[in-house]
PDB file of N, CA and C in Angstrom:
ATOM      1  N   GLY A   1       1.730   5.731 -11.887  1.00  0.00           N
ATOM      2  CA  GLY A   1       1.977   5.105 -10.627  1.00  0.00           C
ATOM      3  C   GLY A   1       2.867   3.896 -10.738  1.00  0.00           C
ATOM      4  N   GLN A   2       3.069   3.310  -9.628  1.00  0.00           N
ATOM      5  CA  GLN A   2       3.850   2.090  -9.522  1.00  0.00           C
ATOM      6  C   GLN A   2       3.021   0.952 -10.102  1.00  0.00           C
ATOM      7  N   SER A   3       3.590  -0.224 -10.256  1.00  0.00           N
ATOM      8  CA  SER A   3       2.835  -1.331 -10.817  1.00  0.00           C
ATOM      9  C   SER A   3       2.563  -2.392  -9.768  1.00  0.00           C
ATOM     10  N   ALA A   4       2.054  -1.969  -8.594  1.00  0.00           N
ATOM     11  CA  ALA A   4       1.826  -2.965  -7.557  1.00  0.00           C
ATOM     12  C   ALA A   4       0.546  -2.752  -6.765  1.00  0.00           C
ATOM     13  N   GLY A   5      -0.621  -2.582  -7.406  1.00  0.00           N
ATOM     14  CA  GLY A   5      -1.839  -2.417  -6.627  1.00  0.00           C
ATOM     15  C   GLY A   5      -3.074  -2.839  -7.370  1.00  0.00           C
ATOM     16  N   PRO A   6      -4.101  -3.280  -6.684  1.00  0.00           N
ATOM     17  CA  PRO A   6      -5.305  -3.758  -7.335  1.00  0.00           C
ATOM     18  C   PRO A   6      -6.133  -2.630  -7.933  1.00  0.00           C
ATOM     19  N   ALA A   7      -6.852  -2.963  -8.980  1.00  0.00           N
ATOM     20  CA  ALA A   7      -7.669  -1.983  -9.692  1.00  0.00           C
ATOM     21  C   ALA A   7      -8.712  -1.391  -8.775  1.00  0.00           C
ATOM     22  N   GLY A   8      -8.717  -0.090  -8.716  1.00  0.00           N
ATOM     23  CA  GLY A   8      -9.717   0.594  -7.948  1.00  0.00           C
ATOM     24  C   GLY A   8      -9.658   0.320  -6.458  1.00  0.00           C
ATOM     25  N   PHE A   9      -8.635  -0.307  -5.986  1.00  0.00           N
ATOM     26  CA  PHE A   9      -8.594  -0.709  -4.591  1.00  0.00           C
ATOM     27  C   PHE A   9      -7.861   0.263  -3.703  1.00  0.00           C
ATOM     28  N   LEU A  10      -6.809   0.804  -4.170  1.00  0.00           N
ATOM     29  CA  LEU A  10      -5.942   1.487  -3.222  1.00  0.00           C
ATOM     30  C   LEU A  10      -5.739   2.947  -3.570  1.00  0.00           C
ATOM     31  N   SER A  11      -5.879   3.749  -2.603  1.00  0.00           N
ATOM     32  CA  SER A  11      -5.499   5.139  -2.698  1.00  0.00           C
ATOM     33  C   SER A  11      -4.713   5.380  -1.421  1.00  0.00           C
ATOM     34  N   TRP A  12      -3.410   5.502  -1.548  1.00  0.00           N
ATOM     35  CA  TRP A  12      -2.555   5.525  -0.353  1.00  0.00           C
ATOM     36  C   TRP A  12      -2.306   6.938   0.082  1.00  0.00           C
ATOM     37  N   LEU A  13      -2.328   7.068   1.334  1.00  0.00           N
ATOM     38  CA  LEU A  13      -2.352   8.365   1.934  1.00  0.00           C
ATOM     39  C   LEU A  13      -1.011   8.859   2.393  1.00  0.00           C
ATOM     40  N   SER A  14      -0.707  10.009   2.039  1.00  0.00           N
ATOM     41  CA  SER A  14       0.294  10.895   2.608  1.00  0.00           C
ATOM     42  C   SER A  14       1.587  10.302   3.092  1.00  0.00           C
ATOM     43  N   PHE A  15       2.164   9.308   2.447  1.00  0.00           N
ATOM     44  CA  PHE A  15       3.422   8.884   3.009  1.00  0.00           C
ATOM     45  C   PHE A  15       4.565   9.778   2.552  1.00  0.00           C
ATOM     46  N   TRP A  16       4.322  10.707   1.683  1.00  0.00           N
ATOM     47  CA  TRP A  16       5.354  11.690   1.322  1.00  0.00           C
ATOM     48  C   TRP A  16       4.934  13.104   1.729  1.00  0.00           C
ATOM     49  N   GLN A  17       3.990  13.206   2.642  1.00  0.00           N
ATOM     50  CA  GLN A  17       3.527  14.527   3.062  1.00  0.00           C
ATOM     51  C   GLN A  17       4.663  15.323   3.703  1.00  0.00           C
ATOM     52  N   ARG A  18       4.548  16.640   3.636  1.00  0.00           N
ATOM     53  CA  ARG A  18       5.605  17.506   4.154  1.00  0.00           C
ATOM     54  C   ARG A  18       5.871  17.295   5.634  1.00  0.00           C
ATOM     55  N   SER A  19       4.834  17.006   6.418  1.00  0.00           N
ATOM     56  CA  SER A  19       5.021  16.892   7.857  1.00  0.00           C
ATOM     57  C   SER A  19       5.617  15.549   8.282  1.00  0.00           C
ATOM     58  N   ALA A  20       5.649  14.584   7.398  1.00  0.00           N
ATOM     59  CA  ALA A  20       6.158  13.260   7.766  1.00  0.00           C
ATOM     60  C   ALA A  20       7.679  13.250   7.724  1.00  0.00           C
ATOM     61  N   SER A  21       8.259  12.543   8.675  1.00  0.00           N
ATOM     62  CA  SER A  21       9.703  12.373   8.657  1.00  0.00           C
ATOM     63  C   SER A  21      10.049  11.357   7.580  1.00  0.00           C
ATOM     64  N   ALA A  22      11.283  11.382   7.101  1.00  0.00           N
ATOM     65  CA  ALA A  22      11.703  10.433   6.068  1.00  0.00           C
ATOM     66  C   ALA A  22      11.547   8.980   6.531  1.00  0.00           C
ATOM     67  N   PRO A  23      11.961   8.619   7.763  1.00  0.00           N
ATOM     68  CA  PRO A  23      11.770   7.228   8.195  1.00  0.00           C
ATOM     69  C   PRO A  23      10.295   6.834   8.269  1.00  0.00           C
ATOM     70  N   LEU A  24       9.428   7.731   8.747  1.00  0.00           N
ATOM     71  CA  LEU A  24       8.003   7.422   8.820  1.00  0.00           C
ATOM     72  C   LEU A  24       7.420   7.289   7.416  1.00  0.00           C
ATOM     73  N   ALA A  25       7.828   8.145   6.513  1.00  0.00           N
ATOM     74  CA  ALA A  25       7.349   8.068   5.132  1.00  0.00           C
ATOM     75  C   ALA A  25       7.738   6.734   4.515  1.00  0.00           C
ATOM     76  N   ALA A  26       8.960   6.290   4.751  1.00  0.00           N
ATOM     77  CA  ALA A  26       9.418   5.011   4.205  1.00  0.00           C
ATOM     78  C   ALA A  26       8.626   3.850   4.808  1.00  0.00           C
ATOM     79  N   LYS A  27       8.329   3.930   6.103  1.00  0.00           N
ATOM     80  CA  LYS A  27       7.547   2.869   6.752  1.00  0.00           C
ATOM     81  C   LYS A  27       6.116   2.851   6.232  1.00  0.00           C
ATOM     82  N   SER A  28       5.540   4.011   5.993  1.00  0.00           N
ATOM     83  CA  SER A  28       4.191   4.073   5.445  1.00  0.00           C
ATOM     84  C   SER A  28       4.153   3.507   4.033  1.00  0.00           C
ATOM     85  N   GLU A  29       5.167   3.812   3.242  1.00  0.00           N
ATOM     86  CA  GLU A  29       5.227   3.260   1.889  1.00  0.00           C
ATOM     87  C   GLU A  29       5.371   1.746   1.952  1.00  0.00           C
ATOM     88  N   SER A  30       6.195   1.249   2.856  1.00  0.00           N
ATOM     89  CA  SER A  30       6.353  -0.192   3.028  1.00  0.00           C
ATOM     90  C   SER A  30       5.022  -0.831   3.397  1.00  0.00           C
ATOM     91  N   LEU A  31       4.318  -0.246   4.353  1.00  0.00           N
ATOM     92  CA  LEU A  31       3.016  -0.756   4.757  1.00  0.00           C
ATOM     93  C   LEU A  31       2.062  -0.799   3.560  1.00  0.00           C
ATOM     94  N   ALA A  32       2.011   0.276   2.795  1.00  0.00           N
ATOM     95  CA  ALA A  32       1.137   0.345   1.626  1.00  0.00           C
ATOM     96  C   ALA A  32       1.469  -0.753   0.628  1.00  0.00           C
ATOM     97  N   ARG A  33       2.749  -0.967   0.379  1.00  0.00           N
ATOM     98  CA  ARG A  33       3.154  -1.993  -0.594  1.00  0.00           C
ATOM     99  C   ARG A  33       2.795  -3.402  -0.121  1.00  0.00           C
ATOM    100  N   PHE A  34       2.981  -3.690   1.166  1.00  0.00           N
ATOM    101  CA  PHE A  34       2.626  -5.013   1.680  1.00  0.00           C
ATOM    102  C   PHE A  34       1.113  -5.239   1.597  1.00  0.00           C
ATOM    103  N   ILE A  35       0.325  -4.239   1.964  1.00  0.00           N
ATOM    104  CA  ILE A  35      -1.137  -4.389   1.878  1.00  0.00           C
ATOM    105  C   ILE A  35      -1.561  -4.548   0.428  1.00  0.00           C
ATOM    106  N   GLN A  36      -0.996  -3.754  -0.435  1.00  0.00           N
ATOM    107  CA  GLN A  36      -1.330  -3.807  -1.849  1.00  0.00           C
ATOM    108  C   GLN A  36      -1.038  -5.190  -2.431  1.00  0.00           C
ATOM    109  N   ALA A  37       0.138  -5.718  -2.137  1.00  0.00           N
ATOM    110  CA  ALA A  37       0.508  -7.046  -2.649  1.00  0.00           C
ATOM    111  C   ALA A  37      -0.455  -8.110  -2.138  1.00  0.00           C
ATOM    112  N   ALA A  38      -0.843  -8.024  -0.869  1.00  0.00           N
ATOM    113  CA  ALA A  38      -1.776  -8.992  -0.303  1.00  0.00           C
ATOM    114  C   ALA A  38      -3.159  -8.871  -0.952  1.00  0.00           C
ATOM    115  N   LEU A  39      -3.605  -7.648  -1.243  1.00  0.00           N
ATOM    116  CA  LEU A  39      -4.890  -7.463  -1.911  1.00  0.00           C
ATOM    117  C   LEU A  39      -4.885  -8.088  -3.297  1.00  0.00           C
ATOM    118  N   VAL A  40      -3.820  -7.896  -4.029  1.00  0.00           N
ATOM    119  CA  VAL A  40      -3.717  -8.485  -5.361  1.00  0.00           C
ATOM    120  C   VAL A  40      -3.732 -10.012  -5.250  1.00  0.00           C
ATOM    121  N   ASP A  41      -2.957 -10.556  -4.296  1.00  0.00           N
ATOM    122  CA  ASP A  41      -2.912 -12.012  -4.107  1.00  0.00           C
ATOM    123  C   ASP A  41      -4.269 -12.579  -3.719  1.00  0.00           C
ATOM    124  N   ARG A  42      -4.917 -11.961  -2.749  1.00  0.00           N
ATOM    125  CA  ARG A  42      -6.173 -12.508  -2.204  1.00  0.00           C
ATOM    126  C   ARG A  42      -7.369 -12.320  -3.124  1.00  0.00           C
ATOM    127  N   THR A  43      -7.439 -11.178  -3.821  1.00  0.00           N
ATOM    128  CA  THR A  43      -8.640 -10.871  -4.600  1.00  0.00           C
ATOM    129  C   THR A  43      -8.465 -11.093  -6.099  1.00  0.00           C
ATOM    130  N   GLY A  44      -7.233 -11.187  -6.562  1.00  0.00           N
ATOM    131  CA  GLY A  44      -6.989 -11.326  -7.994  1.00  0.00           C
ATOM    132  C   GLY A  44      -7.255 -10.035  -8.754  1.00  0.00           C
ATOM    133  N   ALA A  45      -7.314  -8.925  -8.052  1.00  0.00           N
ATOM    134  CA  ALA A  45      -7.598  -7.631  -8.682  1.00  0.00           C
ATOM    135  C   ALA A  45      -6.437  -7.167  -9.555  1.00  0.00           C
ATOM    136  N   LEU A  46      -6.750  -6.306 -10.485  1.00  0.00           N
ATOM    137  CA  LEU A  46      -5.742  -5.682 -11.338  1.00  0.00           C
ATOM    138  C   LEU A  46      -4.799  -4.853 -10.486  1.00  0.00           C
ATOM    139  N   ASN A  47      -3.526  -4.921 -10.774  1.00  0.00           N
ATOM    140  CA  ASN A  47      -2.511  -4.213 -10.016  1.00  0.00           C
ATOM    141  C   ASN A  47      -2.357  -2.793 -10.574  1.00  0.00           C
ATOM    142  N   ARG A  48      -2.833  -1.780  -9.837  1.00  0.00           N
ATOM    143  CA  ARG A  48      -2.800  -0.398 -10.323  1.00  0.00           C
ATOM    144  C   ARG A  48      -1.786   0.488  -9.615  1.00  0.00           C
ATOM    145  N   GLY A  49      -1.002  -0.047  -8.744  1.00  0.00           N
ATOM    146  CA  GLY A  49       0.009   0.759  -8.070  1.00  0.00           C
ATOM    147  C   GLY A  49      -0.509   1.453  -6.827  1.00  0.00           C
ATOM    148  N   ILE A  50       0.416   2.130  -6.157  1.00  0.00           N
ATOM    149  CA  ILE A  50       0.055   2.899  -4.971  1.00  0.00           C
ATOM    150  C   ILE A  50       0.170   4.376  -5.311  1.00  0.00           C
ATOM    151  N   LYS A  51      -0.522   5.186  -4.539  1.00  0.00           N
ATOM    152  CA  LYS A  51      -0.498   6.628  -4.769  1.00  0.00           C
ATOM    153  C   LYS A  51      -0.216   7.336  -3.458  1.00  0.00           C
ATOM    154  N   SER A  52       0.446   8.460  -3.555  1.00  0.00           N
ATOM    155  CA  SER A  52       0.675   9.303  -2.389  1.00  0.00           C
ATOM    156  C   SER A  52      -0.202  10.534  -2.526  1.00  0.00           C
ATOM    157  N   GLU A  53      -1.130  10.689  -1.593  1.00  0.00           N
ATOM    158  CA  GLU A  53      -2.027  11.831  -1.603  1.00  0.00           C
ATOM    159  C   GLU A  53      -2.211  12.329  -0.183  1.00  0.00           C
ATOM    160  N   GLN A  54      -2.616  13.567  -0.047  1.00  0.00           N
ATOM    161  CA  GLN A  54      -2.841  14.141   1.280  1.00  0.00           C
ATOM    162  C   GLN A  54      -4.321  14.048   1.622  1.00  0.00           C
ATOM    163  N   PHE A  55      -4.638  13.164   2.547  1.00  0.00           N
ATOM    164  CA  PHE A  55      -5.995  13.031   3.055  1.00  0.00           C
ATOM    165  C   PHE A  55      -5.979  13.357   4.538  1.00  0.00           C
ATOM    166  N   TYR A  56      -6.956  14.100   4.976  1.00  0.00           N
ATOM    167  CA  TYR A  56      -7.008  14.551   6.358  1.00  0.00           C
ATOM    168  C   TYR A  56      -6.978  13.396   7.356  1.00  0.00           C
ATOM    169  N   VAL A  57      -7.631  12.290   7.029  1.00  0.00           N
ATOM    170  CA  VAL A  57      -7.767  11.187   7.986  1.00  0.00           C
ATOM    171  C   VAL A  57      -6.447  10.551   8.393  1.00  0.00           C
ATOM    172  N   ILE A  58      -5.396  10.711   7.588  1.00  0.00           N
ATOM    173  CA  ILE A  58      -4.106  10.153   8.002  1.00  0.00           C
ATOM    174  C   ILE A  58      -2.962  11.162   7.900  1.00  0.00           C
ATOM    175  N   ALA A  59      -3.294  12.407   7.805  1.00  0.00           N
ATOM    176  CA  ALA A  59      -2.265  13.451   7.790  1.00  0.00           C
ATOM    177  C   ALA A  59      -1.691  13.605   9.198  1.00  0.00           C
ATOM    178  N   ASN A  60      -0.438  13.976   9.270  1.00  0.00           N
ATOM    179  CA  ASN A  60       0.241  14.247  10.539  1.00  0.00           C
ATOM    180  C   ASN A  60       0.196  13.064  11.510  1.00  0.00           C
ATOM    181  N   VAL A  61       0.364  11.879  10.980  1.00  0.00           N
ATOM    182  CA  VAL A  61       0.354  10.676  11.809  1.00  0.00           C
ATOM    183  C   VAL A  61       1.711  10.466  12.464  1.00  0.00           C
ATOM    184  N   ARG A  62       1.732   9.676  13.526  1.00  0.00           N
ATOM    185  CA  ARG A  62       2.985   9.356  14.212  1.00  0.00           C
ATOM    186  C   ARG A  62       3.437   7.933  13.949  1.00  0.00           C
ATOM    187  N   HIS A  63       2.610   7.162  13.259  1.00  0.00           N
ATOM    188  CA  HIS A  63       2.912   5.767  12.947  1.00  0.00           C
ATOM    189  C   HIS A  63       2.641   5.544  11.469  1.00  0.00           C
ATOM    190  N   PRO A  64       3.200   4.488  10.888  1.00  0.00           N
ATOM    191  CA  PRO A  64       2.930   4.218   9.471  1.00  0.00           C
ATOM    192  C   PRO A  64       1.424   4.160   9.204  1.00  0.00           C
ATOM    193  N   ALA A  65       1.004   4.727   8.092  1.00  0.00           N
ATOM    194  CA  ALA A  65      -0.425   4.787   7.779  1.00  0.00           C
ATOM    195  C   ALA A  65      -0.652   4.633   6.280  1.00  0.00           C
ATOM    196  N   ALA A  66      -1.755   3.981   5.935  1.00  0.00           N
ATOM    197  CA  ALA A  66      -2.173   3.832   4.540  1.00  0.00           C
ATOM    198  C   ALA A  66      -3.688   3.806   4.511  1.00  0.00           C
ATOM    199  N   LEU A  67      -4.262   4.295   3.442  1.00  0.00           N
ATOM    200  CA  LEU A  67      -5.703   4.298   3.264  1.00  0.00           C
ATOM    201  C   LEU A  67      -6.026   3.301   2.156  1.00  0.00           C
ATOM    202  N   VAL A  68      -6.944   2.384   2.420  1.00  0.00           N
ATOM    203  CA  VAL A  68      -7.318   1.360   1.443  1.00  0.00           C
ATOM    204  C   VAL A  68      -8.708   1.666   0.912  1.00  0.00           C
ATOM    205  N   GLU A  69      -8.829   1.697  -0.402  1.00  0.00           N
ATOM    206  CA  GLU A  69     -10.127   1.846  -1.051  1.00  0.00           C
ATOM    207  C   GLU A  69     -10.540   0.467  -1.532  1.00  0.00           C
ATOM    208  N   GLY A  70     -11.657  -0.034  -1.038  1.00  0.00           N
ATOM    209  CA  GLY A  70     -12.090  -1.393  -1.364  1.00  0.00           C
ATOM    210  C   GLY A  70     -12.763  -1.527  -2.714  1.00  0.00           C
ATOM    211  N   GLY A  71     -13.004  -0.453  -3.387  1.00  0.00           N
ATOM    212  CA  GLY A  71     -13.637  -0.482  -4.699  1.00  0.00           C
ATOM    213  C   GLY A  71     -14.297   0.864  -4.967  1.00  0.00           C
ATOM    214  N   PHE A  72     -14.909   0.970  -6.119  1.00  0.00           N
ATOM    215  CA  PHE A  72     -15.557   2.209  -6.524  1.00  0.00           C
ATOM    216  C   PHE A  72     -17.059   1.990  -6.678  1.00  0.00           C
ATOM    217  N   ILE A  73     -17.861   2.844  -6.067  1.00  0.00           N
ATOM    218  CA  ILE A  73     -19.307   2.688  -6.202  1.00  0.00           C
ATOM    219  C   ILE A  73     -19.780   3.044  -7.610  1.00  0.00           C
ATOM    220  N   THR A  74     -18.918   3.674  -8.399  1.00  0.00           N
ATOM    221  CA  THR A  74     -19.258   3.991  -9.785  1.00  0.00           C
ATOM    222  C   THR A  74     -18.936   2.838 -10.728  1.00  0.00           C
ATOM    223  N   ASN A  75     -18.339   1.770 -10.199  1.00  0.00           N
ATOM    224  CA  ASN A  75     -17.981   0.599 -11.013  1.00  0.00           C
ATOM    225  C   ASN A  75     -18.934  -0.539 -10.639  1.00  0.00           C
ATOM    226  N   LYS A  76     -19.799  -0.937 -11.581  1.00  0.00           N
ATOM    227  CA  LYS A  76     -20.814  -1.956 -11.289  1.00  0.00           C
ATOM    228  C   LYS A  76     -20.193  -3.275 -10.865  1.00  0.00           C
ATOM    229  N   SER A  77     -19.068  -3.626 -11.440  1.00  0.00           N
ATOM    230  CA  SER A  77     -18.400  -4.873 -11.063  1.00  0.00           C
ATOM    231  C   SER A  77     -17.913  -4.815  -9.618  1.00  0.00           C
ATOM    232  N   ASP A  78     -17.318  -3.684  -9.228  1.00  0.00           N
ATOM    233  CA  ASP A  78     -16.868  -3.506  -7.844  1.00  0.00           C
ATOM    234  C   ASP A  78     -18.044  -3.597  -6.879  1.00  0.00           C
ATOM    235  N   VAL A  79     -19.145  -2.930  -7.222  1.00  0.00           N
ATOM    236  CA  VAL A  79     -20.313  -2.925  -6.352  1.00  0.00           C
ATOM    237  C   VAL A  79     -20.844  -4.349  -6.181  1.00  0.00           C
ATOM    238  N   ALA A  80     -20.909  -5.101  -7.273  1.00  0.00           N
ATOM    239  CA  ALA A  80     -21.406  -6.473  -7.194  1.00  0.00           C
ATOM    240  C   ALA A  80     -20.527  -7.316  -6.269  1.00  0.00           C
ATOM    241  N   LYS A  81     -19.219  -7.160  -6.376  1.00  0.00           N
ATOM    242  CA  LYS A  81     -18.306  -7.919  -5.515  1.00  0.00           C
ATOM    243  C   LYS A  81     -18.446  -7.489  -4.061  1.00  0.00           C
ATOM    244  N   LEU A  82     -18.507  -6.185  -3.843  1.00  0.00           N
ATOM    245  CA  LEU A  82     -18.550  -5.661  -2.478  1.00  0.00           C
ATOM    246  C   LEU A  82     -19.838  -6.001  -1.739  1.00  0.00           C
ATOM    247  N   THR A  83     -20.865  -6.399  -2.455  1.00  0.00           N
ATOM    248  CA  THR A  83     -22.103  -6.794  -1.786  1.00  0.00           C
ATOM    249  C   THR A  83     -22.013  -8.210  -1.219  1.00  0.00           C
ATOM    250  N   THR A  84     -20.960  -8.938  -1.546  1.00  0.00           N
ATOM    251  CA  THR A  84     -20.826 -10.305  -1.036  1.00  0.00           C
ATOM    252  C   THR A  84     -19.945 -10.326   0.211  1.00  0.00           C
ATOM    253  N   THR A  85     -20.383 -11.089   1.180  1.00  0.00           N
ATOM    254  CA  THR A  85     -19.621 -11.241   2.424  1.00  0.00           C
ATOM    255  C   THR A  85     -18.250 -11.851   2.137  1.00  0.00           C
ATOM    256  N   GLU A  86     -18.205 -12.810   1.229  1.00  0.00           N
ATOM    257  CA  GLU A  86     -16.943 -13.488   0.908  1.00  0.00           C
ATOM    258  C   GLU A  86     -15.892 -12.492   0.392  1.00  0.00           C
ATOM    259  N   TYR A  87     -16.284 -11.618  -0.501  1.00  0.00           N
ATOM    260  CA  TYR A  87     -15.327 -10.667  -1.070  1.00  0.00           C
ATOM    261  C   TYR A  87     -14.845  -9.667  -0.022  1.00  0.00           C
ATOM    262  N   ARG A  88     -15.768  -9.172   0.800  1.00  0.00           N
ATOM    263  CA  ARG A  88     -15.373  -8.252   1.868  1.00  0.00           C
ATOM    264  C   ARG A  88     -14.424  -8.945   2.846  1.00  0.00           C
ATOM    265  N   GLN A  89     -14.635 -10.234   3.094  1.00  0.00           N
ATOM    266  CA  GLN A  89     -13.733 -10.993   3.963  1.00  0.00           C
ATOM    267  C   GLN A  89     -12.356 -11.136   3.312  1.00  0.00           C
ATOM    268  N   GLN A  90     -12.315 -11.338   2.004  1.00  0.00           N
ATOM    269  CA  GLN A  90     -11.028 -11.400   1.294  1.00  0.00           C
ATOM    270  C   GLN A  90     -10.261 -10.096   1.468  1.00  0.00           C
ATOM    271  N   ILE A  91     -10.946  -8.980   1.347  1.00  0.00           N
ATOM    272  CA  ILE A  91     -10.305  -7.677   1.517  1.00  0.00           C
ATOM    273  C   ILE A  91      -9.768  -7.542   2.941  1.00  0.00           C
ATOM    274  N   ALA A  92     -10.602  -7.881   3.924  1.00  0.00           N
ATOM    275  CA  ALA A  92     -10.185  -7.773   5.326  1.00  0.00           C
ATOM    276  C   ALA A  92      -8.968  -8.655   5.611  1.00  0.00           C
ATOM    277  N   MET A  93      -8.981  -9.875   5.111  1.00  0.00           N
ATOM    278  CA  MET A  93      -7.854 -10.786   5.338  1.00  0.00           C
ATOM    279  C   MET A  93      -6.600 -10.287   4.630  1.00  0.00           C
ATOM    280  N   ALA A  94      -6.764  -9.690   3.462  1.00  0.00           N
ATOM    281  CA  ALA A  94      -5.612  -9.142   2.736  1.00  0.00           C
ATOM    282  C   ALA A  94      -4.980  -7.997   3.522  1.00  0.00           C
ATOM    283  N   ILE A  95      -5.805  -7.126   4.067  1.00  0.00           N
ATOM    284  CA  ILE A  95      -5.273  -6.019   4.865  1.00  0.00           C
ATOM    285  C   ILE A  95      -4.534  -6.571   6.077  1.00  0.00           C
ATOM    286  N   SER A  96      -5.127  -7.548   6.738  1.00  0.00           N
ATOM    287  CA  SER A  96      -4.476  -8.184   7.887  1.00  0.00           C
ATOM    288  C   SER A  96      -3.143  -8.814   7.493  1.00  0.00           C
ATOM    289  N   ASP A  97      -3.127  -9.541   6.386  1.00  0.00           N
ATOM    290  CA  ASP A  97      -1.882 -10.158   5.899  1.00  0.00           C
ATOM    291  C   ASP A  97      -0.818  -9.102   5.631  1.00  0.00           C
ATOM    292  N   GLY A  98      -1.225  -8.030   4.950  1.00  0.00           N
ATOM    293  CA  GLY A  98      -0.273  -6.976   4.609  1.00  0.00           C
ATOM    294  C   GLY A  98       0.326  -6.309   5.828  1.00  0.00           C
ATOM    295  N   VAL A  99      -0.513  -6.021   6.818  1.00  0.00           N
ATOM    296  CA  VAL A  99      -0.028  -5.391   8.055  1.00  0.00           C
ATOM    297  C   VAL A  99       0.935  -6.333   8.769  1.00  0.00           C
ATOM    298  N   GLN A 100       0.570  -7.607   8.859  1.00  0.00           N
ATOM    299  CA  GLN A 100       1.438  -8.570   9.531  1.00  0.00           C
ATOM    300  C   GLN A 100       2.784  -8.698   8.814  1.00  0.00           C
ATOM    301  N   ARG A 101       2.763  -8.791   7.511  1.00  0.00           N
ATOM    302  CA  ARG A 101       4.020  -8.905   6.745  1.00  0.00           C
ATOM    303  C   ARG A 101       4.878  -7.655   6.904  1.00  0.00           C
ATOM    304  N   HIS A 102       4.236  -6.495   6.925  1.00  0.00           N
ATOM    305  CA  HIS A 102       4.981  -5.246   7.131  1.00  0.00           C
ATOM    306  C   HIS A 102       5.693  -5.262   8.483  1.00  0.00           C
ATOM    307  N   TRP A 103       4.975  -5.626   9.551  1.00  0.00           N
ATOM    308  CA  TRP A 103       5.588  -5.621  10.882  1.00  0.00           C
ATOM    309  C   TRP A 103       6.662  -6.694  11.025  1.00  0.00           C
ATOM    310  N   GLU A 104       6.475  -7.846  10.384  1.00  0.00           N
ATOM    311  CA  GLU A 104       7.517  -8.875  10.414  1.00  0.00           C
ATOM    312  C   GLU A 104       8.784  -8.364   9.726  1.00  0.00           C
ATOM    313  N   ALA A 105       8.625  -7.717   8.590  1.00  0.00           N
ATOM    314  CA  ALA A 105       9.776  -7.155   7.874  1.00  0.00           C
ATOM    315  C   ALA A 105      10.426  -6.052   8.692  1.00  0.00           C
ATOM    316  N   ALA A 106       9.622  -5.226   9.343  1.00  0.00           N
ATOM    317  CA  ALA A 106      10.163  -4.131  10.165  1.00  0.00           C
ATOM    318  C   ALA A 106      10.966  -4.692  11.338  1.00  0.00           C
ATOM    319  N   ARG A 107      10.476  -5.758  11.954  1.00  0.00           N
ATOM    320  CA  ARG A 107      11.203  -6.371  13.081  1.00  0.00           C
ATOM    321  C   ARG A 107      12.551  -6.932  12.621  1.00  0.00           C
ATOM    322  N   ARG A 108      12.570  -7.545  11.442  1.00  0.00           N
ATOM    323  CA  ARG A 108      13.837  -8.091  10.923  1.00  0.00           C
ATOM    324  C   ARG A 108      14.841  -6.971  10.655  1.00  0.00           C
ATOM    325  N   ASP A 109      14.355  -5.809  10.214  1.00  0.00           N
ATOM    326  CA  ASP A 109      15.220  -4.685   9.859  1.00  0.00           C
ATOM    327  C   ASP A 109      15.478  -3.743  11.025  1.00  0.00           C
ATOM    328  N   GLU A 110      14.887  -3.988  12.177  1.00  0.00           N
ATOM    329  CA  GLU A 110      14.959  -3.054  13.302  1.00  0.00           C
ATOM    330  C   GLU A 110      16.388  -2.686  13.696  1.00  0.00           C
ATOM    331  N   PRO A 111      17.325  -3.647  13.839  1.00  0.00           N
ATOM    332  CA  PRO A 111      18.686  -3.233  14.212  1.00  0.00           C
ATOM    333  C   PRO A 111      19.297  -2.281  13.187  1.00  0.00           C
ATOM    334  N   MET A 112      19.043  -2.528  11.897  1.00  0.00           N
ATOM    335  CA  MET A 112      19.582  -1.657  10.856  1.00  0.00           C
ATOM    336  C   MET A 112      18.923  -0.282  10.920  1.00  0.00           C
ATOM    337  N   LEU A 113      17.614  -0.231  11.164  1.00  0.00           N
ATOM    338  CA  LEU A 113      16.932   1.059  11.262  1.00  0.00           C
ATOM    339  C   LEU A 113      17.443   1.851  12.457  1.00  0.00           C
ATOM    340  N   THR A 114      17.700   1.174  13.570  1.00  0.00           N
ATOM    341  CA  THR A 114      18.207   1.841  14.757  1.00  0.00           C
ATOM    342  C   THR A 114      19.580   2.442  14.487  1.00  0.00           C
ATOM    343  N   LEU A 115      20.435   1.679  13.824  1.00  0.00           N
ATOM    344  CA  LEU A 115      21.771   2.184  13.472  1.00  0.00           C
ATOM    345  C   LEU A 115      21.678   3.380  12.534  1.00  0.00           C
ATOM    346  N   ALA A 116      20.810   3.271  11.534  1.00  0.00           N
ATOM    347  CA  ALA A 116      20.667   4.360  10.572  1.00  0.00           C
ATOM    348  C   ALA A 116      20.140   5.616  11.257  1.00  0.00           C
ATOM    349  N   ALA A 117      19.215   5.469  12.193  1.00  0.00           N
ATOM    350  CA  ALA A 117      18.642   6.618  12.895  1.00  0.00           C
ATOM    351  C   ALA A 117      19.671   7.274  13.806  1.00  0.00           C
ATOM    352  N   ALA A 118      20.623   6.492  14.292  1.00  0.00           N
ATOM    353  CA  ALA A 118      21.621   7.022  15.229  1.00  0.00           C
ATOM    354  C   ALA A 118      22.731   7.794  14.517  1.00  0.00           C
ATOM    355  N   ARG A 119      22.868   7.582  13.197  1.00  0.00           N
ATOM    356  CA  ARG A 119      23.938   8.268  12.461  1.00  0.00           C
ATOM    357  C   ARG A 119      23.588   9.742  12.239  1.00  0.00           C
ATOM    358  N   PRO A 120      24.531  10.640  12.481  1.00  0.00           N
ATOM    359  CA  PRO A 120      24.263  12.054  12.183  1.00  0.00           C
ATOM    360  C   PRO A 120      24.213  12.283  10.688  1.00  0.00           C
ATOM    361  N   GLU A 121      23.396  13.255  10.283  1.00  0.00           N
ATOM    362  CA  GLU A 121      23.287  13.555   8.855  1.00  0.00           C
ATOM    363  C   GLU A 121      24.146  14.726   8.475  1.00  0.00           C
TER     364      GLU A 121
END
């Protein structure tokens, strides 16, 4: 995988799925990367990269989508952290930060995306 995700935290969904358009796939990957970076920053977790997998819950979406795994119940350290309100709040704030950063970046790039979408292939 890539080198930008917290240990046991992220399993990213279907941004390269067959049904997704190339622009939507790129936006989903961007969203995943922003959330992943925020999780690493907020929680100090090991960076394990992002993954593209087909999960029913976000297949055939019309908007950017990513699936976040907050930890593994088979990992005692993850379970201990996840039982604390503070750690769960860190995860929630990281997801919020990542989504906000993704949309801010998308707004800055919007004129370029519009031009690129208007060009014939």
